[in-house]
Amino acid sequence: TLRFHSHECVGMAANMIGVAKRIIVFDDAGTHR
């Protein structure tokens, strides 16, 4: 989902896709972590 929105978003948490779990993703200088 972050890759799909990478033109407008640099990070996401799982609750942003409807899952209340402690999971995040983010852009770290061009690499998604």
PDB file of all heavy atoms in Angstrom:
ATOM      1  N   THR A   1       0.839  -1.204   0.000  1.00  0.00           N
ATOM      2  CA  THR A   1       0.000   0.000   0.000  1.00  0.00           C
ATOM      3  C   THR A   1       0.871   1.250   0.000  1.00  0.00           C
ATOM      4  O   THR A   1       0.566   2.221  -0.714  1.00  0.00           O
ATOM      5  CB  THR A   1      -0.968  -0.023   1.203  1.00  0.00           C
ATOM      6  OG1 THR A   1      -1.718  -1.251   1.160  1.00  0.00           O
ATOM      7  CG2 THR A   1      -1.941   1.141   1.151  1.00  0.00           C
ATOM      8  N   LEU A   2       1.967   1.254   0.760  1.00  0.00           N
ATOM      9  CA  LEU A   2       2.885   2.398   0.733  1.00  0.00           C
ATOM     10  C   LEU A   2       3.484   2.577  -0.656  1.00  0.00           C
ATOM     11  O   LEU A   2       3.551   3.696  -1.174  1.00  0.00           O
ATOM     12  CB  LEU A   2       4.001   2.235   1.771  1.00  0.00           C
ATOM     13  CG  LEU A   2       5.054   3.352   1.763  1.00  0.00           C
ATOM     14  CD1 LEU A   2       4.446   4.709   2.084  1.00  0.00           C
ATOM     15  CD2 LEU A   2       6.188   3.021   2.730  1.00  0.00           C
ATOM     16  N   ARG A   3       3.906   1.490  -1.270  1.00  0.00           N
ATOM     17  CA  ARG A   3       4.486   1.592  -2.620  1.00  0.00           C
ATOM     18  C   ARG A   3       3.468   2.186  -3.600  1.00  0.00           C
ATOM     19  O   ARG A   3       3.816   3.019  -4.428  1.00  0.00           O
ATOM     20  CB  ARG A   3       4.962   0.219  -3.098  1.00  0.00           C
ATOM     21  CG  ARG A   3       6.234  -0.219  -2.420  1.00  0.00           C
ATOM     22  CD  ARG A   3       6.773  -1.538  -2.957  1.00  0.00           C
ATOM     23  NE  ARG A   3       7.962  -1.913  -2.219  1.00  0.00           N
ATOM     24  CZ  ARG A   3       8.056  -2.974  -1.426  1.00  0.00           C
ATOM     25  NH1 ARG A   3       7.038  -3.807  -1.292  1.00  0.00           N
ATOM     26  NH2 ARG A   3       9.167  -3.224  -0.779  1.00  0.00           N
ATOM     27  N   PHE A   4       2.227   1.783  -3.490  1.00  0.00           N
ATOM     28  CA  PHE A   4       1.163   2.297  -4.357  1.00  0.00           C
ATOM     29  C   PHE A   4       0.978   3.800  -4.162  1.00  0.00           C
ATOM     30  O   PHE A   4       0.700   4.522  -5.121  1.00  0.00           O
ATOM     31  CB  PHE A   4      -0.146   1.550  -4.078  1.00  0.00           C
ATOM     32  CG  PHE A   4      -1.290   2.006  -4.918  1.00  0.00           C
ATOM     33  CD1 PHE A   4      -1.416   1.586  -6.239  1.00  0.00           C
ATOM     34  CD2 PHE A   4      -2.252   2.862  -4.403  1.00  0.00           C
ATOM     35  CE1 PHE A   4      -2.475   2.008  -7.027  1.00  0.00           C
ATOM     36  CE2 PHE A   4      -3.316   3.297  -5.180  1.00  0.00           C
ATOM     37  CZ  PHE A   4      -3.424   2.863  -6.494  1.00  0.00           C
ATOM     38  N   HIS A   5       1.133   4.271  -2.924  1.00  0.00           N
ATOM     39  CA  HIS A   5       0.911   5.683  -2.600  1.00  0.00           C
ATOM     40  C   HIS A   5       2.220   6.472  -2.483  1.00  0.00           C
ATOM     41  O   HIS A   5       2.215   7.602  -1.982  1.00  0.00           O
ATOM     42  CB  HIS A   5       0.137   5.801  -1.279  1.00  0.00           C
ATOM     43  CG  HIS A   5      -1.286   5.371  -1.384  1.00  0.00           C
ATOM     44  ND1 HIS A   5      -2.268   6.155  -1.950  1.00  0.00           N
ATOM     45  CD2 HIS A   5      -1.898   4.219  -1.012  1.00  0.00           C
ATOM     46  CE1 HIS A   5      -3.425   5.527  -1.904  1.00  0.00           C
ATOM     47  NE2 HIS A   5      -3.229   4.334  -1.345  1.00  0.00           N
ATOM     48  N   SER A   6       3.326   5.923  -2.946  1.00  0.00           N
ATOM     49  CA  SER A   6       4.630   6.565  -2.740  1.00  0.00           C
ATOM     50  C   SER A   6       4.740   7.946  -3.383  1.00  0.00           C
ATOM     51  O   SER A   6       5.579   8.742  -2.977  1.00  0.00           O
ATOM     52  CB  SER A   6       5.765   5.666  -3.225  1.00  0.00           C
ATOM     53  OG  SER A   6       5.660   5.453  -4.608  1.00  0.00           O
ATOM     54  N   HIS A   7       3.887   8.256  -4.321  1.00  0.00           N
ATOM     55  CA  HIS A   7       3.897   9.591  -4.935  1.00  0.00           C
ATOM     56  C   HIS A   7       3.312  10.650  -4.005  1.00  0.00           C
ATOM     57  O   HIS A   7       3.471  11.847  -4.242  1.00  0.00           O
ATOM     58  CB  HIS A   7       3.131   9.570  -6.265  1.00  0.00           C
ATOM     59  CG  HIS A   7       1.671   9.279  -6.117  1.00  0.00           C
ATOM     60  ND1 HIS A   7       1.192   8.004  -5.854  1.00  0.00           N
ATOM     61  CD2 HIS A   7       0.592  10.095  -6.149  1.00  0.00           C
ATOM     62  CE1 HIS A   7      -0.128   8.053  -5.754  1.00  0.00           C
ATOM     63  NE2 HIS A   7      -0.518   9.312  -5.922  1.00  0.00           N
ATOM     64  N   GLU A   8       2.644  10.215  -2.912  1.00  0.00           N
ATOM     65  CA  GLU A   8       2.000  11.161  -2.002  1.00  0.00           C
ATOM     66  C   GLU A   8       2.202  10.833  -0.525  1.00  0.00           C
ATOM     67  O   GLU A   8       1.652  11.509   0.345  1.00  0.00           O
ATOM     68  CB  GLU A   8       0.494  11.210  -2.290  1.00  0.00           C
ATOM     69  CG  GLU A   8      -0.199   9.861  -2.101  1.00  0.00           C
ATOM     70  CD  GLU A   8      -1.664   9.866  -2.514  1.00  0.00           C
ATOM     71  OE1 GLU A   8      -2.277  10.947  -2.571  1.00  0.00           O
ATOM     72  OE2 GLU A   8      -2.178   8.761  -2.788  1.00  0.00           O
ATOM     73  N   CYS A   9       2.995   9.805  -0.233  1.00  0.00           N
ATOM     74  CA  CYS A   9       3.100   9.320   1.150  1.00  0.00           C
ATOM     75  C   CYS A   9       4.486   8.724   1.391  1.00  0.00           C
ATOM     76  O   CYS A   9       5.026   8.052   0.517  1.00  0.00           O
ATOM     77  CB  CYS A   9       2.014   8.260   1.370  1.00  0.00           C
ATOM     78  SG  CYS A   9       1.925   7.612   3.023  1.00  0.00           S
ATOM     79  N   VAL A  10       5.044   8.966   2.606  1.00  0.00           N
ATOM     80  CA  VAL A  10       6.381   8.450   2.935  1.00  0.00           C
ATOM     81  C   VAL A  10       6.375   7.447   4.075  1.00  0.00           C
ATOM     82  O   VAL A  10       7.418   6.896   4.422  1.00  0.00           O
ATOM     83  CB  VAL A  10       7.364   9.604   3.254  1.00  0.00           C
ATOM     84  CG1 VAL A  10       7.649  10.428   2.001  1.00  0.00           C
ATOM     85  CG2 VAL A  10       6.833  10.469   4.384  1.00  0.00           C
ATOM     86  N   GLY A  11       5.203   7.211   4.667  1.00  0.00           N
ATOM     87  CA  GLY A  11       5.121   6.249   5.752  1.00  0.00           C
ATOM     88  C   GLY A  11       3.684   5.897   6.060  1.00  0.00           C
ATOM     89  O   GLY A  11       2.770   6.665   5.763  1.00  0.00           O
ATOM     90  N   MET A  12       3.495   4.713   6.638  1.00  0.00           N
ATOM     91  CA  MET A  12       2.155   4.258   7.008  1.00  0.00           C
ATOM     92  C   MET A  12       2.248   3.354   8.235  1.00  0.00           C
ATOM     93  O   MET A  12       3.267   2.714   8.467  1.00  0.00           O
ATOM     94  CB  MET A  12       1.500   3.467   5.869  1.00  0.00           C
ATOM     95  CG  MET A  12       1.263   4.264   4.611  1.00  0.00           C
ATOM     96  SD  MET A  12       0.369   3.308   3.362  1.00  0.00           S
ATOM     97  CE  MET A  12      -1.294   3.480   4.023  1.00  0.00           C
ATOM     98  N   ALA A  13       1.140   3.326   8.972  1.00  0.00           N
ATOM     99  CA  ALA A  13       0.988   2.395  10.088  1.00  0.00           C
ATOM    100  C   ALA A  13      -0.177   1.474   9.769  1.00  0.00           C
ATOM    101  O   ALA A  13      -1.075   1.828   8.988  1.00  0.00           O
ATOM    102  CB  ALA A  13       0.723   3.152  11.387  1.00  0.00           C
ATOM    103  N   ALA A  14      -0.193   0.294  10.365  1.00  0.00           N
ATOM    104  CA  ALA A  14      -1.204  -0.715  10.035  1.00  0.00           C
ATOM    105  C   ALA A  14      -2.630  -0.236  10.275  1.00  0.00           C
ATOM    106  O   ALA A  14      -3.539  -0.626   9.547  1.00  0.00           O
ATOM    107  CB  ALA A  14      -0.935  -2.007  10.814  1.00  0.00           C
ATOM    108  N   ASN A  15      -2.840   0.642  11.270  1.00  0.00           N
ATOM    109  CA  ASN A  15      -4.219   1.111  11.481  1.00  0.00           C
ATOM    110  C   ASN A  15      -4.712   1.959  10.319  1.00  0.00           C
ATOM    111  O   ASN A  15      -5.917   2.116  10.133  1.00  0.00           O
ATOM    112  CB  ASN A  15      -4.380   1.828  12.827  1.00  0.00           C
ATOM    113  CG  ASN A  15      -3.610   3.112  12.949  1.00  0.00           C
ATOM    114  OD1 ASN A  15      -2.769   3.452  12.116  1.00  0.00           O
ATOM    115  ND2 ASN A  15      -3.875   3.831  14.024  1.00  0.00           N
ATOM    116  N   MET A  16      -3.811   2.451   9.496  1.00  0.00           N
ATOM    117  CA  MET A  16      -4.208   3.219   8.307  1.00  0.00           C
ATOM    118  C   MET A  16      -4.795   2.319   7.217  1.00  0.00           C
ATOM    119  O   MET A  16      -5.398   2.808   6.265  1.00  0.00           O
ATOM    120  CB  MET A  16      -3.015   4.006   7.749  1.00  0.00           C
ATOM    121  CG  MET A  16      -2.535   5.107   8.681  1.00  0.00           C
ATOM    122  SD  MET A  16      -1.045   5.915   8.059  1.00  0.00           S
ATOM    123  CE  MET A  16      -1.671   6.718   6.583  1.00  0.00           C
ATOM    124  N   ILE A  17      -4.598   0.999   7.360  1.00  0.00           N
ATOM    125  CA  ILE A  17      -5.238   0.058   6.436  1.00  0.00           C
ATOM    126  C   ILE A  17      -6.229  -0.830   7.182  1.00  0.00           C
ATOM    127  O   ILE A  17      -6.593  -1.905   6.720  1.00  0.00           O
ATOM    128  CB  ILE A  17      -4.209  -0.782   5.627  1.00  0.00           C
ATOM    129  CG1 ILE A  17      -3.323  -1.632   6.545  1.00  0.00           C
ATOM    130  CG2 ILE A  17      -3.390   0.113   4.698  1.00  0.00           C
ATOM    131  CD1 ILE A  17      -2.488  -2.688   5.818  1.00  0.00           C
ATOM    132  N   GLY A  18      -6.652  -0.366   8.352  1.00  0.00           N
ATOM    133  CA  GLY A  18      -7.720  -1.039   9.082  1.00  0.00           C
ATOM    134  C   GLY A  18      -7.307  -2.178   9.990  1.00  0.00           C
ATOM    135  O   GLY A  18      -8.148  -2.955  10.428  1.00  0.00           O
ATOM    136  N   VAL A  19      -5.998  -2.276  10.306  1.00  0.00           N
ATOM    137  CA  VAL A  19      -5.514  -3.348  11.180  1.00  0.00           C
ATOM    138  C   VAL A  19      -4.834  -2.708  12.393  1.00  0.00           C
ATOM    139  O   VAL A  19      -3.809  -2.037  12.256  1.00  0.00           O
ATOM    140  CB  VAL A  19      -4.519  -4.275  10.452  1.00  0.00           C
ATOM    141  CG1 VAL A  19      -4.047  -5.385  11.379  1.00  0.00           C
ATOM    142  CG2 VAL A  19      -5.148  -4.853   9.195  1.00  0.00           C
ATOM    143  N   ALA A  20      -5.391  -2.896  13.564  1.00  0.00           N
ATOM    144  CA  ALA A  20      -4.882  -2.257  14.785  1.00  0.00           C
ATOM    145  C   ALA A  20      -3.725  -3.055  15.395  1.00  0.00           C
ATOM    146  O   ALA A  20      -3.808  -3.598  16.494  1.00  0.00           O
ATOM    147  CB  ALA A  20      -6.008  -2.073  15.790  1.00  0.00           C
ATOM    148  N   LYS A  21      -2.634  -3.130  14.658  1.00  0.00           N
ATOM    149  CA  LYS A  21      -1.421  -3.821  15.103  1.00  0.00           C
ATOM    150  C   LYS A  21      -0.252  -2.845  15.013  1.00  0.00           C
ATOM    151  O   LYS A  21      -0.236  -1.945  14.178  1.00  0.00           O
ATOM    152  CB  LYS A  21      -1.116  -5.040  14.222  1.00  0.00           C
ATOM    153  CG  LYS A  21      -2.119  -6.160  14.365  1.00  0.00           C
ATOM    154  CD  LYS A  21      -1.979  -6.844  15.703  1.00  0.00           C
ATOM    155  CE  LYS A  21      -2.845  -8.089  15.769  1.00  0.00           C
ATOM    156  NZ  LYS A  21      -2.396  -8.992  16.817  1.00  0.00           N
ATOM    157  N   ARG A  22       0.752  -3.050  15.867  1.00  0.00           N
ATOM    158  CA  ARG A  22       1.918  -2.163  15.905  1.00  0.00           C
ATOM    159  C   ARG A  22       2.887  -2.536  14.777  1.00  0.00           C
ATOM    160  O   ARG A  22       3.895  -3.215  15.007  1.00  0.00           O
ATOM    161  CB  ARG A  22       2.597  -2.236  17.268  1.00  0.00           C
ATOM    162  CG  ARG A  22       1.705  -1.739  18.407  1.00  0.00           C
ATOM    163  CD  ARG A  22       2.457  -1.656  19.707  1.00  0.00           C
ATOM    164  NE  ARG A  22       3.541  -0.684  19.639  1.00  0.00           N
ATOM    165  CZ  ARG A  22       3.384   0.630  19.795  1.00  0.00           C
ATOM    166  NH1 ARG A  22       2.200   1.137  20.030  1.00  0.00           N
ATOM    167  NH2 ARG A  22       4.424   1.438  19.702  1.00  0.00           N
ATOM    168  N   ILE A  23       2.568  -2.070  13.582  1.00  0.00           N
ATOM    169  CA  ILE A  23       3.390  -2.320  12.396  1.00  0.00           C
ATOM    170  C   ILE A  23       3.490  -1.007  11.636  1.00  0.00           C
ATOM    171  O   ILE A  23       2.469  -0.345  11.413  1.00  0.00           O
ATOM    172  CB  ILE A  23       2.766  -3.390  11.478  1.00  0.00           C
ATOM    173  CG1 ILE A  23       2.453  -4.667  12.252  1.00  0.00           C
ATOM    174  CG2 ILE A  23       3.685  -3.681  10.295  1.00  0.00           C
ATOM    175  CD1 ILE A  23       1.578  -5.656  11.472  1.00  0.00           C
ATOM    176  N   ILE A  24       4.705  -0.622  11.243  1.00  0.00           N
ATOM    177  CA  ILE A  24       4.877   0.575  10.432  1.00  0.00           C
ATOM    178  C   ILE A  24       5.772   0.271   9.236  1.00  0.00           C
ATOM    179  O   ILE A  24       6.580  -0.667   9.265  1.00  0.00           O
ATOM    180  CB  ILE A  24       5.457   1.762  11.232  1.00  0.00           C
ATOM    181  CG1 ILE A  24       6.919   1.532  11.636  1.00  0.00           C
ATOM    182  CG2 ILE A  24       4.580   2.075  12.443  1.00  0.00           C
ATOM    183  CD1 ILE A  24       7.625   2.765  12.196  1.00  0.00           C
ATOM    184  N   VAL A  25       5.619   1.069   8.201  1.00  0.00           N
ATOM    185  CA  VAL A  25       6.515   1.059   7.050  1.00  0.00           C
ATOM    186  C   VAL A  25       6.859   2.509   6.740  1.00  0.00           C
ATOM    187  O   VAL A  25       6.080   3.414   7.020  1.00  0.00           O
ATOM    188  CB  VAL A  25       5.889   0.363   5.819  1.00  0.00           C
ATOM    189  CG1 VAL A  25       5.677  -1.112   6.074  1.00  0.00           C
ATOM    190  CG2 VAL A  25       4.592   1.020   5.397  1.00  0.00           C
ATOM    191  N   PHE A  26       8.045   2.723   6.162  1.00  0.00           N
ATOM    192  CA  PHE A  26       8.469   4.091   5.883  1.00  0.00           C
ATOM    193  C   PHE A  26       9.554   4.103   4.819  1.00  0.00           C
ATOM    194  O   PHE A  26      10.217   3.096   4.571  1.00  0.00           O
ATOM    195  CB  PHE A  26       8.961   4.775   7.171  1.00  0.00           C
ATOM    196  CG  PHE A  26      10.115   4.076   7.826  1.00  0.00           C
ATOM    197  CD1 PHE A  26      11.420   4.484   7.608  1.00  0.00           C
ATOM    198  CD2 PHE A  26       9.893   2.997   8.673  1.00  0.00           C
ATOM    199  CE1 PHE A  26      12.482   3.836   8.218  1.00  0.00           C
ATOM    200  CE2 PHE A  26      10.946   2.347   9.290  1.00  0.00           C
ATOM    201  CZ  PHE A  26      12.245   2.763   9.056  1.00  0.00           C
ATOM    202  N   ASP A  27       9.706   5.263   4.201  1.00  0.00           N
ATOM    203  CA  ASP A  27      10.746   5.483   3.211  1.00  0.00           C
ATOM    204  C   ASP A  27      12.008   5.925   3.948  1.00  0.00           C
ATOM    205  O   ASP A  27      12.007   6.935   4.643  1.00  0.00           O
ATOM    206  CB  ASP A  27      10.289   6.563   2.228  1.00  0.00           C
ATOM    207  CG  ASP A  27      11.286   6.801   1.119  1.00  0.00           C
ATOM    208  OD1 ASP A  27      12.489   6.939   1.404  1.00  0.00           O
ATOM    209  OD2 ASP A  27      10.860   6.876  -0.044  1.00  0.00           O
ATOM    210  N   ASP A  28      13.072   5.158   3.798  1.00  0.00           N
ATOM    211  CA  ASP A  28      14.361   5.477   4.408  1.00  0.00           C
ATOM    212  C   ASP A  28      15.352   5.748   3.281  1.00  0.00           C
ATOM    213  O   ASP A  28      15.997   4.834   2.774  1.00  0.00           O
ATOM    214  CB  ASP A  28      14.825   4.311   5.287  1.00  0.00           C
ATOM    215  CG  ASP A  28      16.106   4.606   6.041  1.00  0.00           C
ATOM    216  OD1 ASP A  28      16.566   5.769   6.024  1.00  0.00           O
ATOM    217  OD2 ASP A  28      16.653   3.671   6.663  1.00  0.00           O
ATOM    218  N   ALA A  29      15.383   7.005   2.836  1.00  0.00           N
ATOM    219  CA  ALA A  29      16.279   7.431   1.749  1.00  0.00           C
ATOM    220  C   ALA A  29      16.101   6.575   0.493  1.00  0.00           C
ATOM    221  O   ALA A  29      17.064   6.133  -0.113  1.00  0.00           O
ATOM    222  CB  ALA A  29      17.726   7.436   2.219  1.00  0.00           C
ATOM    223  N   GLY A  30      14.845   6.320   0.124  1.00  0.00           N
ATOM    224  CA  GLY A  30      14.546   5.592  -1.093  1.00  0.00           C
ATOM    225  C   GLY A  30      14.302   4.108  -0.924  1.00  0.00           C
ATOM    226  O   GLY A  30      13.913   3.435  -1.874  1.00  0.00           O
ATOM    227  N   THR A  31      14.520   3.582   0.272  1.00  0.00           N
ATOM    228  CA  THR A  31      14.261   2.170   0.560  1.00  0.00           C
ATOM    229  C   THR A  31      13.077   2.069   1.499  1.00  0.00           C
ATOM    230  O   THR A  31      13.045   2.751   2.531  1.00  0.00           O
ATOM    231  CB  THR A  31      15.493   1.515   1.226  1.00  0.00           C
ATOM    232  OG1 THR A  31      16.596   1.612   0.345  1.00  0.00           O
ATOM    233  CG2 THR A  31      15.227   0.055   1.554  1.00  0.00           C
ATOM    234  N   HIS A  32      12.103   1.237   1.150  1.00  0.00           N
ATOM    235  CA  HIS A  32      10.950   1.042   2.032  1.00  0.00           C
ATOM    236  C   HIS A  32      11.313   0.033   3.105  1.00  0.00           C
ATOM    237  O   HIS A  32      11.754  -1.070   2.806  1.00  0.00           O
ATOM    238  CB  HIS A  32       9.728   0.581   1.228  1.00  0.00           C
ATOM    239  CG  HIS A  32       9.189   1.653   0.355  1.00  0.00           C
ATOM    240  ND1 HIS A  32       8.815   1.447  -0.935  1.00  0.00           N
ATOM    241  CD2 HIS A  32       8.969   2.967   0.590  1.00  0.00           C
ATOM    242  CE1 HIS A  32       8.374   2.575  -1.466  1.00  0.00           C
ATOM    243  NE2 HIS A  32       8.471   3.512  -0.551  1.00  0.00           N
ATOM    244  N   ARG A  33      11.129   0.459   4.367  1.00  0.00           N
ATOM    245  CA  ARG A  33      11.478  -0.379   5.513  1.00  0.00           C
ATOM    246  C   ARG A  33      10.227  -0.745   6.292  1.00  0.00           C
ATOM    247  O   ARG A  33       9.243  -0.018   6.289  1.00  0.00           O
ATOM    248  CB  ARG A  33      12.431   0.375   6.447  1.00  0.00           C
ATOM    249  CG  ARG A  33      13.688   0.896   5.787  1.00  0.00           C
ATOM    250  CD  ARG A  33      14.959   0.213   6.158  1.00  0.00           C
ATOM    251  NE  ARG A  33      15.079  -0.376   7.453  1.00  0.00           N
ATOM    252  CZ  ARG A  33      15.833   0.101   8.444  1.00  0.00           C
ATOM    253  NH1 ARG A  33      16.517   1.214   8.296  1.00  0.00           N
ATOM    254  NH2 ARG A  33      15.908  -0.555   9.594  1.00  0.00           N
TER     255      ARG A  33
END
